[in-house]
Amino acid sequence: MAISKKPSSKPTVSEAAINAIIDKGGSVATDKQELSKKNLQLRLESDLIGKIDLARKNKSVPPSRHTWILEAIFEKLHKES
């Protein structure tokens, strides 16, 4: 492995160039599908949540409550279309 000395001079960048990059800014990386999703608050009676949890636990691999509710919504929409 070859060993070389550290460069003796640092490249100089003007403060204006640094500020131009900072001022340019940028954007956060996002998934386009993620932008179409909306949050929804759902209020359910505790006994209904208990029934949902019981139905979930009867499956060999219980889905999350969120996934179970989404599946129920999709089933209902499929039946009505």
Protein backbone atom coordinates (compact mmCIF):
# COMPACT_ATOMS: atom_id res chain seq x y z
CA MET A 1 0.00 0.00 0.00
CA ALA A 2 1.42 3.34 -1.02
CA ILE A 3 1.59 6.03 1.60
CA SER A 4 1.50 9.63 0.61
CA LYS A 5 1.69 12.88 2.52
CA LYS A 6 -1.35 14.90 3.39
CA PRO A 7 -2.04 17.68 0.91
CA SER A 8 -0.39 20.78 2.24
CA SER A 9 -2.95 23.28 1.03
CA LYS A 10 -6.68 23.16 1.60
CA PRO A 11 -8.92 24.05 -1.31
CA THR A 12 -10.34 27.51 -0.74
CA VAL A 13 -14.03 28.08 -1.16
CA SER A 14 -15.42 31.54 -0.83
CA GLU A 15 -17.96 32.25 1.87
CA ALA A 16 -20.33 33.51 -0.84
CA ALA A 17 -20.23 30.10 -2.53
CA ILE A 18 -20.95 28.36 0.77
CA ASN A 19 -23.87 30.70 1.49
CA ALA A 20 -25.22 30.15 -2.02
CA ILE A 21 -25.37 26.40 -1.41
CA ILE A 22 -27.01 26.89 1.98
CA ASP A 23 -29.54 29.40 0.61
CA LYS A 24 -30.36 27.09 -2.30
CA GLY A 25 -31.84 24.66 0.20
CA GLY A 26 -33.45 21.45 -0.86
CA SER A 27 -36.40 19.24 -0.32
CA VAL A 28 -37.08 16.21 1.77
CA ALA A 29 -37.12 12.93 -0.11
CA THR A 30 -40.69 11.60 -0.24
CA ASP A 31 -42.53 8.80 -1.90
CA LYS A 32 -45.20 10.09 -4.29
CA GLN A 33 -47.71 7.54 -2.98
CA GLU A 34 -47.12 8.78 0.54
CA LEU A 35 -48.32 12.25 -0.48
CA SER A 36 -51.75 10.91 -1.40
CA LYS A 37 -52.41 9.39 2.03
CA LYS A 38 -54.48 11.28 4.57
CA ASN A 39 -54.73 10.80 8.31
CA LEU A 40 -58.10 9.89 9.74
CA GLN A 41 -59.10 9.85 13.36
CA LEU A 42 -61.48 7.04 14.20
CA ARG A 43 -63.37 6.85 17.48
CA LEU A 44 -64.69 3.42 18.43
CA GLU A 45 -66.46 2.10 21.49
CA SER A 46 -64.18 0.02 23.70
CA ASP A 47 -66.44 -3.05 23.35
CA LEU A 48 -66.15 -2.83 19.54
CA ILE A 49 -62.37 -2.61 19.84
CA GLY A 50 -62.50 -5.71 22.06
CA LYS A 51 -64.50 -7.59 19.40
CA ILE A 52 -62.00 -6.53 16.73
CA ASP A 53 -59.09 -7.69 18.88
CA LEU A 54 -60.81 -11.03 19.51
CA ALA A 55 -61.37 -11.53 15.77
CA ARG A 56 -57.73 -10.66 15.09
CA LYS A 57 -56.43 -13.12 17.67
CA ASN A 58 -58.37 -15.98 16.03
CA LYS A 59 -56.06 -15.81 12.98
CA SER A 60 -52.86 -17.87 12.88
CA VAL A 61 -50.82 -14.70 12.31
CA PRO A 62 -52.83 -11.84 13.81
CA PRO A 63 -52.65 -8.65 11.75
CA SER A 64 -52.30 -5.29 13.43
CA ARG A 65 -55.55 -3.57 14.36
CA HIS A 66 -54.87 -0.99 11.61
CA THR A 67 -54.42 -3.70 8.98
CA TRP A 68 -57.52 -5.54 10.16
CA ILE A 69 -59.64 -2.39 9.87
CA LEU A 70 -58.22 -1.66 6.39
CA GLU A 71 -59.05 -5.19 5.26
CA ALA A 72 -62.61 -4.77 6.57
CA ILE A 73 -62.98 -1.48 4.68
CA PHE A 74 -61.70 -3.03 1.44
CA GLU A 75 -64.04 -6.01 1.82
CA LYS A 76 -67.00 -3.67 2.33
CA LEU A 77 -66.04 -1.54 -0.68
CA HIS A 78 -65.60 -4.65 -2.84
CA LYS A 79 -69.06 -5.94 -1.85
CA GLU A 80 -70.72 -2.61 -2.65
CA SER A 81 -69.08 -2.11 -6.04
